Amino acid sequence: MYDVVINRDVKLQDLVSIINHKKQVLRENAAFMGRTLDEWKIDVSVETTWLRQHLQPGSCMFVAIYDGQVIGMLGFLRNERARYKHGG
C-alpha cells in the first residue's frame, strides 16, 4: 500500500489547514524557524492577505496534501521592485 500525497496550487480554502501546518512546524522546529509558536501572533486577516498575495500573477504557492491536510508548502512572492521582478 502506498501513501498518497497530492501536490497542487494553493486555494483560499486551504487557509485553516495552512495555519494548522504552520503551528505544527513551529512546535517541532522553533529553533530552525527563528521563532516559537508563542511568538507567532495568529491573525486570520493577515494570513488571508499573505495567502492572497501568493495568488497574484507572478507569484505562486504549492501545497502538499495528505489525508486532506496540508503537510508541506512552497511559495514564491514576486518582488514589486522593478529591479527584482524577475525573481521569486
PDB file of N, CA and C in Angstrom:
ATOM      1  N   MET A   1       0.847  -1.183   0.000  1.00  0.00           N
ATOM      2  CA  MET A   1       0.000   0.000   0.000  1.00  0.00           C
ATOM      3  C   MET A   1       0.888   1.241   0.000  1.00  0.00           C
ATOM      4  N   TYR A   2       0.500   2.228  -0.776  1.00  0.00           N
ATOM      5  CA  TYR A   2       1.280   3.449  -0.904  1.00  0.00           C
ATOM      6  C   TYR A   2       0.572   4.601  -0.215  1.00  0.00           C
ATOM      7  N   ASP A   3       1.381   5.478   0.399  1.00  0.00           N
ATOM      8  CA  ASP A   3       0.830   6.724   0.917  1.00  0.00           C
ATOM      9  C   ASP A   3       0.630   7.665  -0.256  1.00  0.00           C
ATOM     10  N   VAL A   4      -0.457   8.381  -0.259  1.00  0.00           N
ATOM     11  CA  VAL A   4      -0.759   9.297  -1.347  1.00  0.00           C
ATOM     12  C   VAL A   4      -0.588  10.727  -0.858  1.00  0.00           C
ATOM     13  N   VAL A   5       0.268  11.460  -1.530  1.00  0.00           N
ATOM     14  CA  VAL A   5       0.453  12.878  -1.261  1.00  0.00           C
ATOM     15  C   VAL A   5       0.109  13.605  -2.542  1.00  0.00           C
ATOM     16  N   ILE A   6      -0.780  14.562  -2.447  1.00  0.00           N
ATOM     17  CA  ILE A   6      -1.213  15.333  -3.604  1.00  0.00           C
ATOM     18  C   ILE A   6      -0.545  16.697  -3.536  1.00  0.00           C
ATOM     19  N   ASN A   7       0.108  17.089  -4.610  1.00  0.00           N
ATOM     20  CA  ASN A   7       0.725  18.405  -4.710  1.00  0.00           C
ATOM     21  C   ASN A   7      -0.085  19.216  -5.709  1.00  0.00           C
ATOM     22  N   ARG A   8      -0.443  20.438  -5.312  1.00  0.00           N
ATOM     23  CA  ARG A   8      -1.271  21.261  -6.198  1.00  0.00           C
ATOM     24  C   ARG A   8      -1.113  22.731  -5.834  1.00  0.00           C
ATOM     25  N   ASP A   9      -1.684  23.594  -6.669  1.00  0.00           N
ATOM     26  CA  ASP A   9      -1.719  25.023  -6.372  1.00  0.00           C
ATOM     27  C   ASP A   9      -2.562  25.256  -5.128  1.00  0.00           C
ATOM     28  N   VAL A  10      -2.184  26.259  -4.376  1.00  0.00           N
ATOM     29  CA  VAL A  10      -2.911  26.603  -3.155  1.00  0.00           C
ATOM     30  C   VAL A  10      -4.266  27.221  -3.495  1.00  0.00           C
ATOM     31  N   LYS A  11      -5.216  27.087  -2.589  1.00  0.00           N
ATOM     32  CA  LYS A  11      -6.542  27.700  -2.706  1.00  0.00           C
ATOM     33  C   LYS A  11      -6.840  28.433  -1.407  1.00  0.00           C
ATOM     34  N   LEU A  12      -7.701  29.443  -1.481  1.00  0.00           N
ATOM     35  CA  LEU A  12      -8.081  30.161  -0.257  1.00  0.00           C
ATOM     36  C   LEU A  12      -8.688  29.219   0.778  1.00  0.00           C
ATOM     37  N   GLN A  13      -9.336  28.172   0.318  1.00  0.00           N
ATOM     38  CA  GLN A  13      -9.953  27.208   1.232  1.00  0.00           C
ATOM     39  C   GLN A  13      -8.911  26.436   2.047  1.00  0.00           C
ATOM     40  N   ASP A  14      -7.646  26.531   1.676  1.00  0.00           N
ATOM     41  CA  ASP A  14      -6.568  25.846   2.399  1.00  0.00           C
ATOM     42  C   ASP A  14      -6.102  26.611   3.633  1.00  0.00           C
ATOM     43  N   LEU A  15      -6.629  27.805   3.857  1.00  0.00           N
ATOM     44  CA  LEU A  15      -6.091  28.679   4.901  1.00  0.00           C
ATOM     45  C   LEU A  15      -6.051  28.021   6.275  1.00  0.00           C
ATOM     46  N   VAL A  16      -7.119  27.413   6.715  1.00  0.00           N
ATOM     47  CA  VAL A  16      -7.148  26.806   8.055  1.00  0.00           C
ATOM     48  C   VAL A  16      -6.109  25.695   8.148  1.00  0.00           C
ATOM     49  N   SER A  17      -6.021  24.874   7.123  1.00  0.00           N
ATOM     50  CA  SER A  17      -5.047  23.788   7.122  1.00  0.00           C
ATOM     51  C   SER A  17      -3.618  24.329   7.099  1.00  0.00           C
ATOM     52  N   ILE A  18      -3.390  25.432   6.395  1.00  0.00           N
ATOM     53  CA  ILE A  18      -2.063  26.055   6.364  1.00  0.00           C
ATOM     54  C   ILE A  18      -1.702  26.587   7.745  1.00  0.00           C
ATOM     55  N   ILE A  19      -2.640  27.244   8.406  1.00  0.00           N
ATOM     56  CA  ILE A  19      -2.384  27.748   9.759  1.00  0.00           C
ATOM     57  C   ILE A  19      -2.049  26.588  10.693  1.00  0.00           C
ATOM     58  N   ASN A  20      -2.793  25.508  10.598  1.00  0.00           N
ATOM     59  CA  ASN A  20      -2.504  24.333  11.429  1.00  0.00           C
ATOM     60  C   ASN A  20      -1.122  23.759  11.119  1.00  0.00           C
ATOM     61  N   HIS A  21      -0.766  23.739   9.841  1.00  0.00           N
ATOM     62  CA  HIS A  21       0.557  23.250   9.445  1.00  0.00           C
ATOM     63  C   HIS A  21       1.652  24.154  10.022  1.00  0.00           C
ATOM     64  N   LYS A  22       1.466  25.463   9.931  1.00  0.00           N
ATOM     65  CA  LYS A  22       2.451  26.394  10.487  1.00  0.00           C
ATOM     66  C   LYS A  22       2.615  26.181  11.992  1.00  0.00           C
ATOM     67  N   LYS A  23       1.512  25.970  12.687  1.00  0.00           N
ATOM     68  CA  LYS A  23       1.583  25.699  14.128  1.00  0.00           C
ATOM     69  C   LYS A  23       2.429  24.462  14.396  1.00  0.00           C
ATOM     70  N   GLN A  24       2.178  23.410  13.643  1.00  0.00           N
ATOM     71  CA  GLN A  24       2.915  22.158  13.835  1.00  0.00           C
ATOM     72  C   GLN A  24       4.403  22.353  13.571  1.00  0.00           C
ATOM     73  N   VAL A  25       4.733  23.053  12.498  1.00  0.00           N
ATOM     74  CA  VAL A  25       6.133  23.293  12.156  1.00  0.00           C
ATOM     75  C   VAL A  25       6.812  24.101  13.258  1.00  0.00           C
ATOM     76  N   LEU A  26       6.146  25.127  13.770  1.00  0.00           N
ATOM     77  CA  LEU A  26       6.743  25.935  14.833  1.00  0.00           C
ATOM     78  C   LEU A  26       6.896  25.141  16.128  1.00  0.00           C
ATOM     79  N   ARG A  27       5.968  24.250  16.403  1.00  0.00           N
ATOM     80  CA  ARG A  27       6.105  23.394  17.594  1.00  0.00           C
ATOM     81  C   ARG A  27       7.318  22.473  17.466  1.00  0.00           C
ATOM     82  N   GLU A  28       7.516  21.932  16.281  1.00  0.00           N
ATOM     83  CA  GLU A  28       8.572  20.939  16.080  1.00  0.00           C
ATOM     84  C   GLU A  28       9.935  21.533  15.747  1.00  0.00           C
ATOM     85  N   ASN A  29       9.963  22.729  15.150  1.00  0.00           N
ATOM     86  CA  ASN A  29      11.215  23.282  14.619  1.00  0.00           C
ATOM     87  C   ASN A  29      11.415  24.753  14.955  1.00  0.00           C
ATOM     88  N   ALA A  30      11.073  25.174  16.150  1.00  0.00           N
ATOM     89  CA  ALA A  30      11.149  26.595  16.504  1.00  0.00           C
ATOM     90  C   ALA A  30      12.556  27.157  16.293  1.00  0.00           C
ATOM     91  N   ALA A  31      13.585  26.420  16.662  1.00  0.00           N
ATOM     92  CA  ALA A  31      14.955  26.919  16.526  1.00  0.00           C
ATOM     93  C   ALA A  31      15.305  27.161  15.059  1.00  0.00           C
ATOM     94  N   PHE A  32      14.899  26.257  14.196  1.00  0.00           N
ATOM     95  CA  PHE A  32      15.180  26.395  12.773  1.00  0.00           C
ATOM     96  C   PHE A  32      14.365  27.524  12.159  1.00  0.00           C
ATOM     97  N   MET A  33      13.136  27.697  12.610  1.00  0.00           N
ATOM     98  CA  MET A  33      12.235  28.692  12.029  1.00  0.00           C
ATOM     99  C   MET A  33      12.513  30.106  12.537  1.00  0.00           C
ATOM    100  N   GLY A  34      13.256  30.237  13.612  1.00  0.00           N
ATOM    101  CA  GLY A  34      13.614  31.564  14.107  1.00  0.00           C
ATOM    102  C   GLY A  34      12.589  32.181  15.040  1.00  0.00           C
ATOM    103  N   ARG A  35      11.544  31.460  15.372  1.00  0.00           N
ATOM    104  CA  ARG A  35      10.559  31.928  16.345  1.00  0.00           C
ATOM    105  C   ARG A  35       9.780  30.735  16.879  1.00  0.00           C
ATOM    106  N   THR A  36       9.159  30.954  18.022  1.00  0.00           N
ATOM    107  CA  THR A  36       8.364  29.890  18.628  1.00  0.00           C
ATOM    108  C   THR A  36       6.893  30.107  18.300  1.00  0.00           C
ATOM    109  N   LEU A  37       6.114  29.101  18.592  1.00  0.00           N
ATOM    110  CA  LEU A  37       4.670  29.214  18.387  1.00  0.00           C
ATOM    111  C   LEU A  37       4.104  30.349  19.231  1.00  0.00           C
ATOM    112  N   ASP A  38       4.627  30.529  20.439  1.00  0.00           N
ATOM    113  CA  ASP A  38       4.157  31.612  21.311  1.00  0.00           C
ATOM    114  C   ASP A  38       4.457  32.989  20.738  1.00  0.00           C
ATOM    115  N   GLU A  39       5.503  33.091  19.939  1.00  0.00           N
ATOM    116  CA  GLU A  39       5.874  34.382  19.346  1.00  0.00           C
ATOM    117  C   GLU A  39       5.062  34.707  18.092  1.00  0.00           C
ATOM    118  N   TRP A  40       4.409  33.720  17.524  1.00  0.00           N
ATOM    119  CA  TRP A  40       3.622  33.930  16.313  1.00  0.00           C
ATOM    120  C   TRP A  40       2.215  34.343  16.709  1.00  0.00           C
ATOM    121  N   LYS A  41       1.861  35.539  16.376  1.00  0.00           N
ATOM    122  CA  LYS A  41       0.519  36.061  16.656  1.00  0.00           C
ATOM    123  C   LYS A  41      -0.378  35.719  15.469  1.00  0.00           C
ATOM    124  N   ILE A  42      -1.224  34.749  15.658  1.00  0.00           N
ATOM    125  CA  ILE A  42      -2.095  34.292  14.576  1.00  0.00           C
ATOM    126  C   ILE A  42      -3.199  35.317  14.344  1.00  0.00           C
ATOM    127  N   ASP A  43      -3.219  35.874  13.155  1.00  0.00           N
ATOM    128  CA  ASP A  43      -4.230  36.845  12.758  1.00  0.00           C
ATOM    129  C   ASP A  43      -4.772  36.372  11.409  1.00  0.00           C
ATOM    130  N   VAL A  44      -5.995  35.922  11.405  1.00  0.00           N
ATOM    131  CA  VAL A  44      -6.576  35.339  10.193  1.00  0.00           C
ATOM    132  C   VAL A  44      -6.583  36.339   9.042  1.00  0.00           C
ATOM    133  N   SER A  45      -6.842  37.617   9.317  1.00  0.00           N
ATOM    134  CA  SER A  45      -6.863  38.597   8.226  1.00  0.00           C
ATOM    135  C   SER A  45      -5.464  38.779   7.632  1.00  0.00           C
ATOM    136  N   VAL A  46      -4.436  38.759   8.463  1.00  0.00           N
ATOM    137  CA  VAL A  46      -3.056  38.862   7.968  1.00  0.00           C
ATOM    138  C   VAL A  46      -2.699  37.617   7.152  1.00  0.00           C
ATOM    139  N   GLU A  47      -3.075  36.456   7.652  1.00  0.00           N
ATOM    140  CA  GLU A  47      -2.796  35.210   6.936  1.00  0.00           C
ATOM    141  C   GLU A  47      -3.555  35.155   5.610  1.00  0.00           C
ATOM    142  N   THR A  48      -4.776  35.669   5.591  1.00  0.00           N
ATOM    143  CA  THR A  48      -5.564  35.708   4.357  1.00  0.00           C
ATOM    144  C   THR A  48      -4.890  36.611   3.333  1.00  0.00           C
ATOM    145  N   THR A  49      -4.435  37.781   3.770  1.00  0.00           N
ATOM    146  CA  THR A  49      -3.732  38.702   2.880  1.00  0.00           C
ATOM    147  C   THR A  49      -2.470  38.055   2.328  1.00  0.00           C
ATOM    148  N   TRP A  50      -1.717  37.389   3.201  1.00  0.00           N
ATOM    149  CA  TRP A  50      -0.484  36.704   2.800  1.00  0.00           C
ATOM    150  C   TRP A  50      -0.784  35.633   1.746  1.00  0.00           C
ATOM    151  N   LEU A  51      -1.848  34.868   1.970  1.00  0.00           N
ATOM    152  CA  LEU A  51      -2.215  33.821   1.018  1.00  0.00           C
ATOM    153  C   LEU A  51      -2.677  34.426  -0.307  1.00  0.00           C
ATOM    154  N   ARG A  52      -3.455  35.487  -0.249  1.00  0.00           N
ATOM    155  CA  ARG A  52      -3.927  36.150  -1.476  1.00  0.00           C
ATOM    156  C   ARG A  52      -2.754  36.687  -2.304  1.00  0.00           C
ATOM    157  N   GLN A  53      -1.698  37.139  -1.643  1.00  0.00           N
ATOM    158  CA  GLN A  53      -0.517  37.623  -2.369  1.00  0.00           C
ATOM    159  C   GLN A  53       0.074  36.511  -3.234  1.00  0.00           C
ATOM    160  N   HIS A  54       0.018  35.289  -2.738  1.00  0.00           N
ATOM    161  CA  HIS A  54       0.554  34.160  -3.491  1.00  0.00           C
ATOM    162  C   HIS A  54      -0.329  33.787  -4.688  1.00  0.00           C
ATOM    163  N   LEU A  55      -1.548  34.290  -4.723  1.00  0.00           N
ATOM    164  CA  LEU A  55      -2.462  34.006  -5.830  1.00  0.00           C
ATOM    165  C   LEU A  55      -2.377  35.052  -6.936  1.00  0.00           C
ATOM    166  N   GLN A  56      -1.562  36.087  -6.735  1.00  0.00           N
ATOM    167  CA  GLN A  56      -1.426  37.154  -7.719  1.00  0.00           C
ATOM    168  C   GLN A  56      -0.517  36.708  -8.871  1.00  0.00           C
ATOM    169  N   PRO A  57      -0.718  37.302 -10.057  1.00  0.00           N
ATOM    170  CA  PRO A  57       0.153  36.966 -11.192  1.00  0.00           C
ATOM    171  C   PRO A  57       1.620  37.186 -10.833  1.00  0.00           C
ATOM    172  N   GLY A  58       2.448  36.240 -11.204  1.00  0.00           N
ATOM    173  CA  GLY A  58       3.876  36.329 -10.928  1.00  0.00           C
ATOM    174  C   GLY A  58       4.288  35.696  -9.614  1.00  0.00           C
ATOM    175  N   SER A  59       3.334  35.364  -8.773  1.00  0.00           N
ATOM    176  CA  SER A  59       3.600  34.691  -7.502  1.00  0.00           C
ATOM    177  C   SER A  59       2.889  33.345  -7.524  1.00  0.00           C
ATOM    178  N   CYS A  60       3.288  32.451  -6.637  1.00  0.00           N
ATOM    179  CA  CYS A  60       2.614  31.159  -6.580  1.00  0.00           C
ATOM    180  C   CYS A  60       2.890  30.469  -5.248  1.00  0.00           C
ATOM    181  N   MET A  61       2.062  29.511  -4.929  1.00  0.00           N
ATOM    182  CA  MET A  61       2.278  28.646  -3.785  1.00  0.00           C
ATOM    183  C   MET A  61       1.732  27.275  -4.134  1.00  0.00           C
ATOM    184  N   PHE A  62       2.486  26.275  -3.753  1.00  0.00           N
ATOM    185  CA  PHE A  62       2.072  24.894  -3.926  1.00  0.00           C
ATOM    186  C   PHE A  62       1.951  24.262  -2.548  1.00  0.00           C
ATOM    187  N   VAL A  63       0.980  23.390  -2.385  1.00  0.00           N
ATOM    188  CA  VAL A  63       0.806  22.692  -1.119  1.00  0.00           C
ATOM    189  C   VAL A  63       0.874  21.192  -1.360  1.00  0.00           C
ATOM    190  N   ALA A  64       1.377  20.491  -0.358  1.00  0.00           N
ATOM    191  CA  ALA A  64       1.361  19.029  -0.352  1.00  0.00           C
ATOM    192  C   ALA A  64       0.249  18.623   0.600  1.00  0.00           C
ATOM    193  N   ILE A  65      -0.667  17.800   0.117  1.00  0.00           N
ATOM    194  CA  ILE A  65      -1.840  17.384   0.886  1.00  0.00           C
ATOM    195  C   ILE A  65      -1.742  15.890   1.175  1.00  0.00           C
ATOM    196  N   TYR A  66      -1.958  15.528   2.420  1.00  0.00           N
ATOM    197  CA  TYR A  66      -2.031  14.120   2.809  1.00  0.00           C
ATOM    198  C   TYR A  66      -3.222  13.960   3.737  1.00  0.00           C
ATOM    199  N   ASP A  67      -4.075  13.028   3.434  1.00  0.00           N
ATOM    200  CA  ASP A  67      -5.260  12.763   4.256  1.00  0.00           C
ATOM    201  C   ASP A  67      -6.081  14.042   4.478  1.00  0.00           C
ATOM    202  N   GLY A  68      -6.145  14.882   3.434  1.00  0.00           N
ATOM    203  CA  GLY A  68      -6.959  16.090   3.486  1.00  0.00           C
ATOM    204  C   GLY A  68      -6.342  17.272   4.209  1.00  0.00           C
ATOM    205  N   GLN A  69      -5.096  17.134   4.672  1.00  0.00           N
ATOM    206  CA  GLN A  69      -4.446  18.207   5.420  1.00  0.00           C
ATOM    207  C   GLN A  69      -3.158  18.643   4.729  1.00  0.00           C
ATOM    208  N   VAL A  70      -2.840  19.932   4.849  1.00  0.00           N
ATOM    209  CA  VAL A  70      -1.583  20.447   4.318  1.00  0.00           C
ATOM    210  C   VAL A  70      -0.441  19.898   5.174  1.00  0.00           C
ATOM    211  N   ILE A  71       0.528  19.269   4.513  1.00  0.00           N
ATOM    212  CA  ILE A  71       1.700  18.752   5.227  1.00  0.00           C
ATOM    213  C   ILE A  71       2.987  19.411   4.744  1.00  0.00           C
ATOM    214  N   GLY A  72       2.869  20.280   3.749  1.00  0.00           N
ATOM    215  CA  GLY A  72       4.031  20.993   3.239  1.00  0.00           C
ATOM    216  C   GLY A  72       3.584  22.080   2.289  1.00  0.00           C
ATOM    217  N   MET A  73       4.440  23.070   2.114  1.00  0.00           N
ATOM    218  CA  MET A  73       4.105  24.149   1.183  1.00  0.00           C
ATOM    219  C   MET A  73       5.387  24.808   0.699  1.00  0.00           C
ATOM    220  N   LEU A  74       5.290  25.380  -0.483  1.00  0.00           N
ATOM    221  CA  LEU A  74       6.396  26.072  -1.111  1.00  0.00           C
ATOM    222  C   LEU A  74       5.805  27.269  -1.832  1.00  0.00           C
ATOM    223  N   GLY A  75       6.293  28.458  -1.514  1.00  0.00           N
ATOM    224  CA  GLY A  75       5.722  29.651  -2.118  1.00  0.00           C
ATOM    225  C   GLY A  75       6.766  30.616  -2.628  1.00  0.00           C
ATOM    226  N   PHE A  76       6.382  31.374  -3.625  1.00  0.00           N
ATOM    227  CA  PHE A  76       7.209  32.422  -4.192  1.00  0.00           C
ATOM    228  C   PHE A  76       6.359  33.679  -4.318  1.00  0.00           C
ATOM    229  N   LEU A  77       6.875  34.792  -3.808  1.00  0.00           N
ATOM    230  CA  LEU A  77       6.212  36.084  -3.961  1.00  0.00           C
ATOM    231  C   LEU A  77       7.055  36.942  -4.888  1.00  0.00           C
ATOM    232  N   ARG A  78       6.417  37.473  -5.902  1.00  0.00           N
ATOM    233  CA  ARG A  78       7.127  38.341  -6.838  1.00  0.00           C
ATOM    234  C   ARG A  78       7.404  39.668  -6.172  1.00  0.00           C
ATOM    235  N   ASN A  79       8.608  40.128  -6.299  1.00  0.00           N
ATOM    236  CA  ASN A  79       9.003  41.411  -5.740  1.00  0.00           C
ATOM    237  C   ASN A  79       8.408  42.527  -6.592  1.00  0.00           C
ATOM    238  N   GLU A  80       7.885  43.537  -5.959  1.00  0.00           N
ATOM    239  CA  GLU A  80       7.272  44.648  -6.695  1.00  0.00           C
ATOM    240  C   GLU A  80       8.300  45.635  -7.226  1.00  0.00           C
ATOM    241  N   ARG A  81       9.511  45.592  -6.711  1.00  0.00           N
ATOM    242  CA  ARG A  81      10.550  46.494  -7.211  1.00  0.00           C
ATOM    243  C   ARG A  81      10.967  46.041  -8.607  1.00  0.00           C
ATOM    244  N   ALA A  82      10.989  46.973  -9.547  1.00  0.00           N
ATOM    245  CA  ALA A  82      11.259  46.651 -10.949  1.00  0.00           C
ATOM    246  C   ALA A  82      12.551  45.856 -11.119  1.00  0.00           C
ATOM    247  N   ARG A  83      13.551  46.199 -10.350  1.00  0.00           N
ATOM    248  CA  ARG A  83      14.849  45.550 -10.485  1.00  0.00           C
ATOM    249  C   ARG A  83      14.801  44.060 -10.132  1.00  0.00           C
ATOM    250  N   TYR A  84      13.857  43.667  -9.284  1.00  0.00           N
ATOM    251  CA  TYR A  84      13.802  42.292  -8.797  1.00  0.00           C
ATOM    252  C   TYR A  84      12.569  41.513  -9.253  1.00  0.00           C
ATOM    253  N   LYS A  85      11.773  42.061 -10.162  1.00  0.00           N
ATOM    254  CA  LYS A  85      10.536  41.396 -10.579  1.00  0.00           C
ATOM    255  C   LYS A  85      10.768  40.057 -11.267  1.00  0.00           C
ATOM    256  N   HIS A  86      11.950  39.822 -11.751  1.00  0.00           N
ATOM    257  CA  HIS A  86      12.229  38.560 -12.448  1.00  0.00           C
ATOM    258  C   HIS A  86      12.406  37.396 -11.476  1.00  0.00           C
ATOM    259  N   GLY A  87      12.638  37.672 -10.216  1.00  0.00           N
ATOM    260  CA  GLY A  87      12.914  36.615  -9.233  1.00  0.00           C
ATOM    261  C   GLY A  87      11.714  36.294  -8.376  1.00  0.00           C
ATOM    262  N   GLY A  88      11.794  35.173  -7.681  1.00  0.00           N
ATOM    263  CA  GLY A  88      10.712  34.757  -6.799  1.00  0.00           C
ATOM    264  C   GLY A  88      11.150  34.679  -5.368  1.00  0.00           C
TER     265      GLY A  88
END
